[in-house]
Protein backbone atom coordinates (compact mmCIF):
# COMPACT_ATOMS: atom_id res chain seq x y z
CA MET A 1 -3.13 40.12 15.53
CA ILE A 2 -3.42 36.92 13.52
CA ASP A 3 -6.08 36.58 10.84
CA VAL A 4 -6.81 32.97 9.88
CA GLU A 5 -8.88 31.90 6.89
CA TYR A 6 -10.18 28.37 6.46
CA ALA A 7 -11.38 26.75 3.26
CA ALA A 8 -13.77 23.83 3.54
CA LEU A 9 -12.45 20.80 1.68
CA GLY A 10 -14.47 17.73 0.82
CA ALA A 11 -13.40 14.42 2.32
CA VAL A 12 -11.48 12.08 0.03
CA ILE A 13 -12.20 8.55 1.21
CA ASP A 14 -10.90 6.70 -1.84
CA ALA A 15 -7.17 5.94 -1.59
CA GLU A 16 -6.59 6.15 -5.34
CA ARG A 17 -8.23 9.58 -5.57
CA ALA A 18 -6.39 10.70 -2.44
CA CYS A 19 -3.04 9.92 -4.05
CA LYS A 20 -4.04 11.82 -7.17
CA ARG A 21 -5.05 14.82 -5.05
CA ALA A 22 -1.96 14.62 -2.83
CA ARG A 23 -1.18 17.84 -1.05
CA ARG A 24 2.17 19.09 0.13
CA SER A 25 2.81 17.63 3.58
CA SER A 26 3.90 19.60 6.63
CA ARG A 27 7.33 17.98 6.27
CA GLY A 28 7.78 19.52 2.85
CA GLY A 29 7.16 16.34 0.87
CA ALA A 30 5.17 16.27 -2.33
CA ASN A 31 2.68 13.59 -1.29
CA ASN A 32 0.41 12.42 1.50
CA ILE A 33 1.87 8.93 1.96
CA ALA A 34 2.21 8.17 5.67
CA ALA A 35 4.49 5.14 5.31
CA ASN A 36 6.18 3.22 2.54
CA PHE A 37 8.44 0.17 2.63
CA GLN A 38 9.92 -2.09 0.00
CA VAL A 39 11.18 -5.66 0.28
CA ASN A 40 13.53 -7.07 -2.35
CA VAL A 41 13.82 -10.86 -2.32
CA GLY A 42 14.82 -13.11 -5.19
CA ASP A 43 15.02 -12.45 -8.92
CA VAL A 44 11.62 -11.04 -9.92
CA ASP A 45 12.52 -10.69 -13.61
CA ALA A 46 13.54 -14.36 -13.80
CA ALA A 47 10.39 -15.45 -11.97
CA PHE A 48 8.18 -13.66 -14.52
CA ARG A 49 10.30 -14.83 -17.47
CA ASP A 50 10.13 -18.49 -16.34
CA SER A 51 6.43 -18.47 -15.37
CA ASP A 52 3.92 -20.60 -17.24
CA LEU A 53 1.11 -18.17 -16.43
CA ILE A 54 1.07 -14.53 -15.36
CA VAL A 55 -2.17 -13.05 -14.04
CA GLU A 56 -2.41 -9.30 -13.54
CA GLU A 57 -5.21 -7.87 -11.41
CA GLU A 58 -5.91 -4.82 -9.28
CA PHE A 59 -7.20 -5.27 -5.74
CA SER A 60 -8.36 -2.82 -3.11
CA THR A 61 -9.23 -3.02 0.55
CA GLN A 62 -10.55 -0.72 3.22
CA ARG A 63 -8.27 1.63 5.12
CA HIS A 64 -5.77 -0.37 7.13
CA SER A 65 -2.53 0.09 8.99
CA ALA A 66 -0.45 -2.23 11.12
CA VAL A 67 -0.96 -2.13 14.87
CA PRO A 68 1.91 -2.23 17.39
CA LEU A 69 1.41 -5.91 18.29
CA GLU A 70 1.04 -7.03 14.69
CA ASN A 71 4.07 -8.44 12.94
CA ARG A 72 4.46 -8.87 9.24
CA GLY A 73 4.69 -12.63 9.14
CA LEU A 74 3.19 -15.72 7.58
CA VAL A 75 2.57 -19.27 8.72
CA ALA A 76 2.03 -21.93 6.07
CA GLU A 77 1.63 -25.70 6.14
CA TRP A 78 2.12 -28.07 3.19
CA ASP A 79 -0.70 -30.61 2.77
CA GLU A 80 0.77 -33.66 1.02
CA GLY A 81 -2.66 -35.14 0.27
CA ARG A 82 -4.02 -32.00 -1.41
CA GLY A 83 -0.74 -31.04 -3.12
CA PHE A 84 -0.62 -27.55 -1.67
């Protein structure tokens, strides 16, 4: 008693185009973003205002998502001889 109709849709494999073509999600949202988080640390406006140089660029990478064993961390080591 149920009549189902399907419409073939082309794959959107470019993240920027996918966001532009966002469809209403099953949860009632107005986008197709699976996860979003924001970190606020420090005074960003002051950092830009006091900077000697500001470089603006757009970067992209292949599809990626964190895996359960992956943390969001960083390890850095200062090299006195090289100055960084």
